[in-house]
Protein backbone atom coordinates (compact mmCIF):
# COMPACT_ATOMS: atom_id res chain seq x y z
CA UNK A 1 -80.09 -94.63 -20.78
CA UNK A 2 -83.45 -95.70 -20.30
CA UNK A 3 -84.66 -97.70 -17.25
CA UNK A 4 -84.21 -100.90 -19.24
CA UNK A 5 -80.74 -100.22 -20.08
CA UNK A 6 -81.53 -99.26 -23.80
CA UNK A 7 -79.55 -96.20 -24.90
CA UNK A 8 -82.08 -93.31 -25.16
CA UNK A 9 -81.64 -92.38 -28.73
CA UNK A 10 -82.21 -96.18 -29.93
CA UNK A 11 -85.46 -96.49 -27.76
CA UNK A 12 -86.87 -93.31 -29.24
CA UNK A 13 -86.10 -94.61 -32.82
CA UNK A 14 -87.61 -97.97 -31.70
CA UNK A 15 -90.83 -96.31 -30.35
CA UNK A 16 -91.15 -94.61 -33.64
CA UNK A 17 -91.64 -98.13 -35.32
CA UNK A 18 -93.47 -100.06 -32.89
CA UNK A 19 -94.67 -97.86 -29.98
CA UNK A 20 -94.02 -97.83 -26.25
CA UNK A 21 -93.87 -101.11 -24.74
CA UNK A 22 -91.97 -102.66 -21.55
CA UNK A 23 -88.87 -104.32 -22.93
CA UNK A 24 -86.44 -106.90 -20.98
CA UNK A 25 -82.78 -107.58 -21.92
CA UNK A 26 -81.63 -110.84 -23.19
CA UNK A 27 -78.21 -112.39 -22.75
CA UNK A 28 -75.35 -111.09 -25.02
CA UNK A 29 -75.12 -113.57 -27.98
CA UNK A 30 -71.92 -114.84 -29.48
CA UNK A 31 -71.70 -111.85 -31.71
CA UNK A 32 -71.58 -109.44 -28.77
CA UNK A 33 -74.72 -107.73 -29.93
CA UNK A 34 -77.03 -106.40 -27.02
CA UNK A 35 -80.61 -107.23 -27.39
CA UNK A 36 -83.90 -106.29 -25.77
CA UNK A 37 -87.23 -107.81 -26.27
CA UNK A 38 -90.78 -106.41 -26.20
CA UNK A 39 -94.32 -108.02 -26.63
CA UNK A 40 -96.35 -105.81 -29.02
CA UNK A 41 -99.27 -106.17 -31.39
CA UNK A 42 -96.95 -107.01 -34.06
CA UNK A 43 -95.46 -109.96 -31.98
CA UNK A 44 -92.29 -110.48 -30.11
CA UNK A 45 -89.99 -107.52 -31.23
CA UNK A 46 -86.14 -107.63 -30.73
CA UNK A 47 -84.15 -104.37 -30.59
CA UNK A 48 -80.79 -105.47 -31.41
CA UNK A 49 -77.51 -103.01 -31.27
CA UNK A 50 -74.49 -104.59 -32.89
CA UNK A 51 -71.12 -104.38 -31.51
CA UNK A 52 -69.61 -103.00 -34.75
CA UNK A 53 -70.76 -101.28 -37.94
CA UNK A 54 -69.54 -104.27 -39.90
CA UNK A 55 -71.79 -106.47 -37.81
CA UNK A 56 -74.62 -104.40 -38.54
CA UNK A 57 -74.15 -104.32 -42.11
CA UNK A 58 -73.48 -108.16 -42.32
CA UNK A 59 -76.90 -108.79 -40.26
CA UNK A 60 -78.67 -106.42 -42.53
CA UNK A 61 -77.41 -108.39 -45.52
CA UNK A 62 -78.41 -111.58 -44.07
CA UNK A 63 -81.95 -110.73 -43.36
CA UNK A 64 -82.50 -109.15 -46.99
CA UNK A 65 -80.72 -111.77 -49.03
CA UNK A 66 -80.57 -115.09 -47.10
CA UNK A 67 -82.96 -115.28 -44.05
CA UNK A 68 -85.92 -114.50 -46.25
CA UNK A 69 -85.49 -117.53 -48.22
CA UNK A 70 -86.77 -119.61 -45.21
CA UNK A 71 -90.09 -118.30 -45.33
CA UNK A 72 -92.79 -116.72 -43.05
CA UNK A 73 -93.00 -118.18 -39.59
CA UNK A 74 -89.60 -120.12 -40.02
CA UNK A 75 -87.37 -117.13 -38.96
CA UNK A 76 -87.10 -113.69 -37.79
CA UNK A 77 -88.52 -110.79 -39.92
CA UNK A 78 -86.79 -107.55 -40.19
CA UNK A 79 -88.80 -104.49 -39.46
CA UNK A 80 -86.21 -101.72 -39.69
CA UNK A 81 -82.59 -100.79 -39.32
CA UNK A 82 -80.64 -97.76 -38.60
CA UNK A 83 -77.01 -97.77 -39.41
CA UNK A 84 -76.22 -94.62 -37.49
CA UNK A 85 -77.42 -96.44 -34.36
CA UNK A 86 -76.22 -99.88 -35.43
CA UNK A 87 -79.81 -100.91 -34.24
CA UNK A 88 -82.14 -103.33 -35.78
CA UNK A 89 -85.87 -104.25 -35.16
CA UNK A 90 -86.84 -107.76 -35.83
CA UNK A 91 -90.04 -109.61 -35.33
CA UNK A 92 -89.30 -113.26 -33.73
CA UNK A 93 -91.18 -116.30 -34.29
CA UNK A 94 -93.01 -117.65 -31.10
CA UNK A 95 -92.01 -121.25 -29.98
CA UNK A 96 -90.41 -123.39 -27.47
CA UNK A 97 -86.46 -123.07 -27.27
CA UNK A 98 -85.31 -126.68 -28.48
CA UNK A 99 -82.32 -126.72 -26.10
CA UNK A 100 -84.57 -126.10 -23.07
CA UNK A 101 -86.71 -129.31 -23.46
CA UNK A 102 -86.82 -132.81 -24.79
CA UNK A 103 -87.60 -131.45 -28.16
CA UNK A 104 -83.91 -131.76 -29.17
CA UNK A 105 -84.17 -135.40 -29.36
CA UNK A 106 -87.25 -135.54 -31.72
CA UNK A 107 -86.41 -136.82 -35.11
CA UNK A 108 -88.97 -134.40 -36.63
CA UNK A 109 -87.01 -131.36 -35.19
CA UNK A 110 -83.71 -132.59 -36.77
CA UNK A 111 -85.49 -133.22 -40.08
CA UNK A 112 -86.96 -129.76 -40.22
CA UNK A 113 -83.47 -128.37 -39.20
CA UNK A 114 -81.61 -130.03 -42.01
CA UNK A 115 -84.28 -128.82 -44.28
CA UNK A 116 -84.17 -125.23 -43.27
CA UNK A 117 -80.42 -125.30 -43.15
CA UNK A 118 -80.19 -126.68 -46.80
CA UNK A 119 -82.31 -123.59 -47.80
CA UNK A 120 -80.28 -121.15 -46.09
CA UNK A 121 -76.88 -122.65 -47.44
CA UNK A 122 -78.15 -122.72 -50.94
CA UNK A 123 -79.27 -118.82 -50.94
CA UNK A 124 -75.49 -117.98 -51.15
CA UNK A 125 -75.22 -119.23 -54.81
CA UNK A 126 -72.52 -121.03 -56.42
CA UNK A 127 -70.21 -118.30 -57.73
CA UNK A 128 -66.25 -118.07 -57.38
CA UNK A 129 -66.87 -115.01 -55.40
CA UNK A 130 -68.76 -117.09 -52.90
CA UNK A 131 -66.05 -119.43 -52.46
CA UNK A 132 -63.55 -116.62 -52.02
CA UNK A 133 -65.88 -115.00 -49.19
CA UNK A 134 -66.42 -118.32 -47.52
CA UNK A 135 -62.65 -119.19 -47.25
CA UNK A 136 -61.65 -115.61 -45.72
CA UNK A 137 -64.81 -115.57 -43.26
CA UNK A 138 -63.87 -119.39 -42.40
CA UNK A 139 -60.24 -118.63 -41.70
CA UNK A 140 -61.25 -115.56 -39.48
CA UNK A 141 -63.78 -117.83 -37.80
CA UNK A 142 -61.06 -120.32 -36.90
CA UNK A 143 -58.58 -118.05 -36.05
CA UNK A 144 -60.68 -116.01 -33.64
CA UNK A 145 -61.71 -119.01 -31.81
CA UNK A 146 -57.99 -120.25 -31.55
CA UNK A 147 -56.86 -116.75 -30.36
CA UNK A 148 -59.35 -116.37 -27.55
CA UNK A 149 -58.74 -119.96 -26.46
CA UNK A 150 -55.06 -119.02 -26.24
CA UNK A 151 -55.88 -115.84 -23.96
CA UNK A 152 -58.21 -117.60 -21.77
CA UNK A 153 -55.91 -120.53 -21.47
CA UNK A 154 -53.21 -118.29 -20.45
CA UNK A 155 -55.02 -116.96 -17.46
CA UNK A 156 -56.94 -120.32 -16.28
CA UNK A 157 -56.73 -123.99 -16.81
CA UNK A 158 -58.92 -124.38 -19.79
CA UNK A 159 -59.23 -128.20 -20.26
CA UNK A 160 -58.69 -129.47 -23.85
CA UNK A 161 -57.34 -126.04 -25.13
CA UNK A 162 -54.57 -128.25 -26.86
CA UNK A 163 -57.44 -130.20 -28.68
CA UNK A 164 -58.86 -126.89 -30.00
CA UNK A 165 -55.58 -125.92 -31.20
CA UNK A 166 -55.16 -129.12 -32.90
CA UNK A 167 -58.65 -129.06 -34.47
CA UNK A 168 -57.97 -125.52 -35.61
CA UNK A 169 -55.00 -126.43 -37.57
CA UNK A 170 -56.66 -129.27 -39.04
CA UNK A 171 -59.68 -127.40 -40.63
CA UNK A 172 -57.42 -124.60 -41.64
CA UNK A 173 -55.43 -127.28 -43.68
CA UNK A 174 -58.58 -128.26 -45.56
CA UNK A 175 -60.61 -124.93 -45.86
CA UNK A 176 -60.20 -124.73 -49.49
CA UNK A 177 -61.76 -128.06 -50.18
CA UNK A 178 -64.88 -127.39 -48.27
CA UNK A 179 -68.18 -126.38 -49.86
CA UNK A 180 -69.63 -122.85 -49.30
CA UNK A 181 -72.93 -121.83 -48.01
CA UNK A 182 -74.77 -118.92 -46.35
CA UNK A 183 -74.20 -120.06 -42.89
CA UNK A 184 -76.16 -119.32 -39.64
CA UNK A 185 -72.92 -119.32 -37.92
CA UNK A 186 -73.95 -120.70 -34.38
CA UNK A 187 -76.60 -123.11 -35.75
CA UNK A 188 -77.89 -125.56 -33.20
CA UNK A 189 -80.60 -126.42 -30.47
CA UNK A 190 -80.13 -122.85 -29.00
CA UNK A 191 -81.21 -121.30 -32.15
CA UNK A 192 -84.02 -123.63 -32.68
CA UNK A 193 -87.62 -122.65 -31.91
CA UNK A 194 -90.33 -125.47 -32.14
CA UNK A 195 -93.69 -124.14 -32.90
CA UNK A 196 -96.36 -126.53 -31.32
CA UNK A 197 -99.40 -125.10 -33.06
CA UNK A 198 -97.92 -125.49 -36.65
CA UNK A 199 -95.66 -128.27 -35.80
CA UNK A 200 -92.82 -126.77 -37.49
CA UNK A 201 -89.38 -125.32 -36.59
CA UNK A 202 -88.14 -121.75 -36.81
CA UNK A 203 -84.62 -120.76 -36.63
CA UNK A 204 -83.49 -117.72 -34.79
CA UNK A 205 -80.18 -115.76 -33.40
CA UNK A 206 -78.53 -114.61 -36.80
CA UNK A 207 -75.97 -112.43 -35.37
CA UNK A 208 -73.09 -114.48 -36.65
CA UNK A 209 -74.51 -115.30 -40.13
CA UNK A 210 -72.41 -114.96 -43.19
CA UNK A 211 -71.09 -116.90 -46.11
CA UNK A 212 -68.68 -119.53 -44.74
CA UNK A 213 -67.66 -123.21 -45.28
CA UNK A 214 -71.18 -124.82 -44.96
CA UNK A 215 -70.07 -127.69 -42.48
CA UNK A 216 -69.57 -124.99 -39.86
CA UNK A 217 -73.27 -124.95 -39.25
CA UNK A 218 -73.22 -128.86 -38.61
CA UNK A 219 -70.69 -128.68 -35.67
CA UNK A 220 -73.19 -128.10 -33.00
CA UNK A 221 -75.95 -130.49 -34.30
CA UNK A 222 -73.26 -133.06 -34.55
CA UNK A 223 -72.56 -132.85 -30.65
CA UNK A 224 -76.22 -134.17 -30.18
CA UNK A 225 -75.43 -137.04 -32.96
CA UNK A 226 -72.89 -138.28 -30.77
CA UNK A 227 -75.50 -139.20 -28.11
CA UNK A 228 -78.27 -140.32 -30.27
CA UNK A 229 -76.73 -141.38 -33.89
CA UNK A 230 -80.00 -141.97 -35.37
CA UNK A 231 -80.69 -138.05 -35.34
CA UNK A 232 -77.91 -137.83 -37.91
CA UNK A 233 -80.11 -139.71 -40.41
CA UNK A 234 -83.19 -137.59 -39.82
CA UNK A 235 -81.17 -134.33 -40.35
CA UNK A 236 -79.63 -135.50 -43.68
CA UNK A 237 -83.07 -136.60 -44.67
CA UNK A 238 -84.04 -132.92 -44.38
CA UNK A 239 -80.69 -131.72 -45.68
CA UNK A 240 -80.70 -133.72 -48.94
CA UNK A 241 -77.18 -133.41 -49.69
CA UNK A 242 -74.14 -135.92 -48.94
CA UNK A 243 -71.26 -134.41 -47.12
CA UNK A 244 -67.73 -134.45 -49.27
CA UNK A 245 -64.85 -136.51 -47.90
CA UNK A 246 -63.19 -133.30 -46.61
CA UNK A 247 -66.43 -132.16 -44.64
CA UNK A 248 -66.63 -135.50 -43.01
CA UNK A 249 -62.83 -135.28 -42.13
CA UNK A 250 -63.31 -131.87 -40.37
CA UNK A 251 -66.73 -131.92 -38.95
CA UNK A 252 -65.64 -133.54 -35.79
CA UNK A 253 -62.83 -130.63 -35.57
CA UNK A 254 -65.63 -128.17 -36.25
CA UNK A 255 -67.64 -129.56 -33.40
CA UNK A 256 -64.42 -129.04 -31.05
CA UNK A 257 -64.18 -125.39 -32.19
CA UNK A 258 -67.88 -124.53 -31.77
CA UNK A 259 -67.83 -126.25 -28.30
CA UNK A 260 -64.67 -124.31 -27.36
CA UNK A 261 -66.50 -120.96 -28.54
CA UNK A 262 -69.54 -121.88 -26.51
CA UNK A 263 -67.46 -122.69 -23.42
CA UNK A 264 -65.62 -119.11 -23.93
CA UNK A 265 -68.92 -117.35 -24.24
CA UNK A 266 -70.34 -118.98 -21.18
CA UNK A 267 -67.17 -118.02 -19.28
CA UNK A 268 -67.51 -114.26 -20.50
CA UNK A 269 -71.43 -114.60 -19.09
CA UNK A 270 -70.23 -116.28 -15.89
CA UNK A 271 -72.98 -118.51 -16.54
CA UNK A 272 -72.19 -121.79 -14.26
CA UNK A 273 -74.64 -123.96 -15.83
CA UNK A 274 -73.62 -122.92 -19.05
CA UNK A 275 -70.11 -123.39 -18.51
CA UNK A 276 -70.66 -126.93 -17.13
CA UNK A 277 -72.79 -127.91 -20.27
CA UNK A 278 -70.15 -126.47 -22.55
CA UNK A 279 -67.32 -128.18 -20.82
CA UNK A 280 -68.90 -131.33 -21.21
CA UNK A 281 -69.64 -130.94 -24.74
CA UNK A 282 -66.00 -130.05 -25.44
CA UNK A 283 -65.02 -133.18 -23.78
CA UNK A 284 -67.37 -135.13 -25.87
CA UNK A 285 -66.05 -133.41 -29.16
CA UNK A 286 -62.47 -133.50 -28.27
CA UNK A 287 -62.64 -137.49 -27.34
CA UNK A 288 -64.72 -137.99 -30.74
CA UNK A 289 -62.17 -136.07 -32.68
CA UNK A 290 -59.37 -138.02 -31.32
CA UNK A 291 -61.19 -141.21 -31.98
CA UNK A 292 -61.61 -140.08 -35.60
CA UNK A 293 -58.10 -139.25 -36.01
CA UNK A 294 -57.00 -142.85 -34.68
CA UNK A 295 -59.50 -144.69 -37.06
CA UNK A 296 -58.92 -142.40 -40.14
CA UNK A 297 -56.75 -144.71 -42.05
CA UNK A 298 -59.14 -147.71 -41.60
CA UNK A 299 -62.72 -146.59 -40.90
CA UNK A 300 -65.10 -146.59 -43.96
CA UNK A 301 -66.03 -142.82 -45.06
CA UNK A 302 -69.92 -142.28 -44.37
CA UNK A 303 -70.82 -139.19 -46.49
CA UNK A 304 -74.50 -139.32 -45.85
CA UNK A 305 -74.87 -139.69 -42.45
CA UNK A 306 -76.27 -143.31 -42.57
């Protein structure tokens, strides 16, 4: 190991591409990848070591076939990948993390987020194979969160664990009806970077990206819409696609799953502030999902977020 904790072989490989620079470790992300960041003449460069070989192949595929469609400055740029070391080097956009500022309440941010997400989703194409992949990956996504909540709930009192279980069941029931897209996998303010000079949004953190049900990526933005409903209109102004009835039906339940996943991750990191924030988001999502169930038979369906 190097002094920064980077495995020596990975550090040598990275130096061969970007030179020797001081590096600092970032928190482990939802995919389980370990990441170190360095400032170089090429910009902010991340060295990522994925958890598994499949994760490495999936992330490389994402960069080569989907992320590039977002255009320069709107996403990380892949410099190099080494499958033997499960390591990637990416140049990161420079900006302000949206979840760390009042930026998350700006309509322009949500409009840009909607536009970029639509581009990413459409990069998957519309073949039958895409739909098959989306269903398979979405089932795995839901089942993984449900299993993790069950494991954690067995050793500690996890509030709203029952809501996560119920939401998982409802989502699985409707998965075959949900449109597919190339998903970010953890899309929300934590992965949004606002570039003040260009007044444009960039998307980062693609460790969980793959073809899934497109509505999965709307789960975390929807948690903000619960507080500021007008942001939903701005998001869909950029997204330029109406949700299907099935997507409207499961969106609140997807938010429950996403909030549950964020809470589990915060617990894993022993981050008290993040635990409190994720627990609050889970309460809001669970309440919203329960209210939607109560009103399902009488409330009009709003498929455009208006």
